[in-house]
């Protein structure tokens, strides 16, 4: 039993590493965008930040709806982001 769990954990780690490698260039490109620089600086206009949160909320709400419906979050308690985005948007 322990060997099976360890083997699955190793497979999960390899998958996460592969995903990180496969998306590294896209991640670097995203970090170079002016909007991301502004967002990360903490000097973002309140209206622009509200628009960003609203759009993120729409995306995460749909993704999480289907992930929950397909039991994809069973081993990831608290992974949902939509409620937090909603809270921040309303604040």
C-alpha atoms as a PDB file:
ATOM      1  CA  UNK A   1       0.000   0.000   0.000  1.00  0.00           C
ATOM      2  CA  UNK A   2       2.768   2.480   0.918  1.00  0.00           C
ATOM      3  CA  UNK A   3       4.620   1.722  -2.303  1.00  0.00           C
ATOM      4  CA  UNK A   4       1.519   2.471  -4.362  1.00  0.00           C
ATOM      5  CA  UNK A   5       0.987   5.804  -2.598  1.00  0.00           C
ATOM      6  CA  UNK A   6       4.663   6.739  -2.994  1.00  0.00           C
ATOM      7  CA  UNK A   7       4.554   5.749  -6.680  1.00  0.00           C
ATOM      8  CA  UNK A   8       1.457   7.926  -7.219  1.00  0.00           C
ATOM      9  CA  UNK A   9       3.095  10.845  -5.410  1.00  0.00           C
ATOM     10  CA  UNK A  10       6.154  10.482  -7.634  1.00  0.00           C
ATOM     11  CA  UNK A  11       3.948  10.451 -10.738  1.00  0.00           C
ATOM     12  CA  UNK A  12       2.139  13.575  -9.477  1.00  0.00           C
ATOM     13  CA  UNK A  13       5.457  15.347  -8.907  1.00  0.00           C
ATOM     14  CA  UNK A  14       6.676  14.434 -12.395  1.00  0.00           C
ATOM     15  CA  UNK A  15       3.426  15.693 -13.911  1.00  0.00           C
ATOM     16  CA  UNK A  16       3.669  18.994 -12.026  1.00  0.00           C
ATOM     17  CA  UNK A  17       7.287  19.373 -13.113  1.00  0.00           C
ATOM     18  CA  UNK A  18       6.340  18.681 -16.742  1.00  0.00           C
ATOM     19  CA  UNK A  19       3.511  21.226 -16.587  1.00  0.00           C
ATOM     20  CA  UNK A  20       5.902  23.783 -15.115  1.00  0.00           C
ATOM     21  CA  UNK A  21       8.432  23.154 -17.886  1.00  0.00           C
ATOM     22  CA  UNK A  22       5.790  23.222 -20.628  1.00  0.00           C
ATOM     23  CA  UNK A  23       4.317  26.515 -19.438  1.00  0.00           C
ATOM     24  CA  UNK A  24       7.549  28.248 -18.406  1.00  0.00           C
ATOM     25  CA  UNK A  25       7.881  30.350 -21.557  1.00  0.00           C
ATOM     26  CA  UNK A  26       4.223  31.450 -21.429  1.00  0.00           C
ATOM     27  CA  UNK A  27       4.662  32.342 -17.765  1.00  0.00           C
ATOM     28  CA  UNK A  28       7.752  34.421 -18.513  1.00  0.00           C
ATOM     29  CA  UNK A  29       5.945  36.183 -21.366  1.00  0.00           C
ATOM     30  CA  UNK A  30       2.998  36.972 -19.110  1.00  0.00           C
ATOM     31  CA  UNK A  31       5.325  38.473 -16.491  1.00  0.00           C
ATOM     32  CA  UNK A  32       6.753  40.820 -19.144  1.00  0.00           C
ATOM     33  CA  UNK A  33       3.366  42.369 -19.947  1.00  0.00           C
ATOM     34  CA  UNK A  34       2.770  45.951 -18.801  1.00  0.00           C
ATOM     35  CA  UNK A  35      -0.495  45.041 -17.083  1.00  0.00           C
ATOM     36  CA  UNK A  36       1.207  42.384 -14.968  1.00  0.00           C
ATOM     37  CA  UNK A  37       3.976  44.802 -14.038  1.00  0.00           C
ATOM     38  CA  UNK A  38       1.360  47.354 -12.975  1.00  0.00           C
ATOM     39  CA  UNK A  39      -0.631  44.736 -11.073  1.00  0.00           C
ATOM     40  CA  UNK A  40       2.421  43.446  -9.221  1.00  0.00           C
ATOM     41  CA  UNK A  41       3.666  46.950  -8.403  1.00  0.00           C
ATOM     42  CA  UNK A  42       0.674  47.619  -6.155  1.00  0.00           C
ATOM     43  CA  UNK A  43       0.026  50.904  -7.968  1.00  0.00           C
ATOM     44  CA  UNK A  44      -2.924  49.748 -10.043  1.00  0.00           C
ATOM     45  CA  UNK A  45      -5.934  51.991 -10.625  1.00  0.00           C
ATOM     46  CA  UNK A  46      -8.935  50.816  -8.553  1.00  0.00           C
ATOM     47  CA  UNK A  47     -11.254  50.625 -11.583  1.00  0.00           C
ATOM     48  CA  UNK A  48      -8.720  48.602 -13.576  1.00  0.00           C
ATOM     49  CA  UNK A  49      -8.203  46.263 -10.635  1.00  0.00           C
ATOM     50  CA  UNK A  50     -11.973  45.828 -10.247  1.00  0.00           C
ATOM     51  CA  UNK A  51     -12.217  44.941 -13.948  1.00  0.00           C
ATOM     52  CA  UNK A  52      -9.384  42.439 -13.540  1.00  0.00           C
ATOM     53  CA  UNK A  53     -11.082  40.826 -10.520  1.00  0.00           C
ATOM     54  CA  UNK A  54     -14.426  40.678 -12.324  1.00  0.00           C
ATOM     55  CA  UNK A  55     -12.872  38.923 -15.318  1.00  0.00           C
ATOM     56  CA  UNK A  56     -10.923  36.520 -13.105  1.00  0.00           C
ATOM     57  CA  UNK A  57     -14.115  35.760 -11.178  1.00  0.00           C
ATOM     58  CA  UNK A  58     -15.979  34.873 -14.380  1.00  0.00           C
ATOM     59  CA  UNK A  59     -13.181  32.546 -15.533  1.00  0.00           C
ATOM     60  CA  UNK A  60     -12.634  30.801 -12.209  1.00  0.00           C
ATOM     61  CA  UNK A  61     -16.369  30.412 -11.565  1.00  0.00           C
ATOM     62  CA  UNK A  62     -16.819  28.401 -14.758  1.00  0.00           C
ATOM     63  CA  UNK A  63     -13.640  26.359 -14.316  1.00  0.00           C
ATOM     64  CA  UNK A  64     -14.437  25.536 -10.714  1.00  0.00           C
ATOM     65  CA  UNK A  65     -18.049  24.681 -11.484  1.00  0.00           C
ATOM     66  CA  UNK A  66     -16.957  21.963 -13.907  1.00  0.00           C
ATOM     67  CA  UNK A  67     -14.041  20.837 -11.750  1.00  0.00           C
ATOM     68  CA  UNK A  68     -16.366  20.378  -8.764  1.00  0.00           C
ATOM     69  CA  UNK A  69     -18.972  18.610 -10.894  1.00  0.00           C
ATOM     70  CA  UNK A  70     -16.297  16.176 -12.053  1.00  0.00           C
ATOM     71  CA  UNK A  71     -14.826  15.638  -8.575  1.00  0.00           C
ATOM     72  CA  UNK A  72     -11.464  17.098  -9.552  1.00  0.00           C
ATOM     73  CA  UNK A  73     -10.982  18.903  -6.230  1.00  0.00           C
ATOM     74  CA  UNK A  74     -11.533  15.955  -3.890  1.00  0.00           C
ATOM     75  CA  UNK A  75      -7.880  15.895  -2.822  1.00  0.00           C
ATOM     76  CA  UNK A  76      -7.521  19.687  -2.897  1.00  0.00           C
ATOM     77  CA  UNK A  77      -9.636  21.175  -0.104  1.00  0.00           C
ATOM     78  CA  UNK A  78      -9.777  24.946  -0.202  1.00  0.00           C
ATOM     79  CA  UNK A  79      -8.399  25.223  -3.742  1.00  0.00           C
ATOM     80  CA  UNK A  80     -11.371  27.226  -5.003  1.00  0.00           C
ATOM     81  CA  UNK A  81     -10.519  30.829  -5.870  1.00  0.00           C
ATOM     82  CA  UNK A  82     -13.878  32.199  -7.029  1.00  0.00           C
ATOM     83  CA  UNK A  83     -15.224  32.944  -3.528  1.00  0.00           C
ATOM     84  CA  UNK A  84     -12.071  34.903  -2.698  1.00  0.00           C
ATOM     85  CA  UNK A  85     -12.202  36.809  -5.970  1.00  0.00           C
ATOM     86  CA  UNK A  86     -15.855  37.632  -5.303  1.00  0.00           C
ATOM     87  CA  UNK A  87     -15.017  38.888  -1.821  1.00  0.00           C
ATOM     88  CA  UNK A  88     -12.218  41.103  -3.135  1.00  0.00           C
ATOM     89  CA  UNK A  89     -14.386  42.405  -5.971  1.00  0.00           C
ATOM     90  CA  UNK A  90     -17.166  43.384  -3.565  1.00  0.00           C
ATOM     91  CA  UNK A  91     -14.722  45.094  -1.182  1.00  0.00           C
END
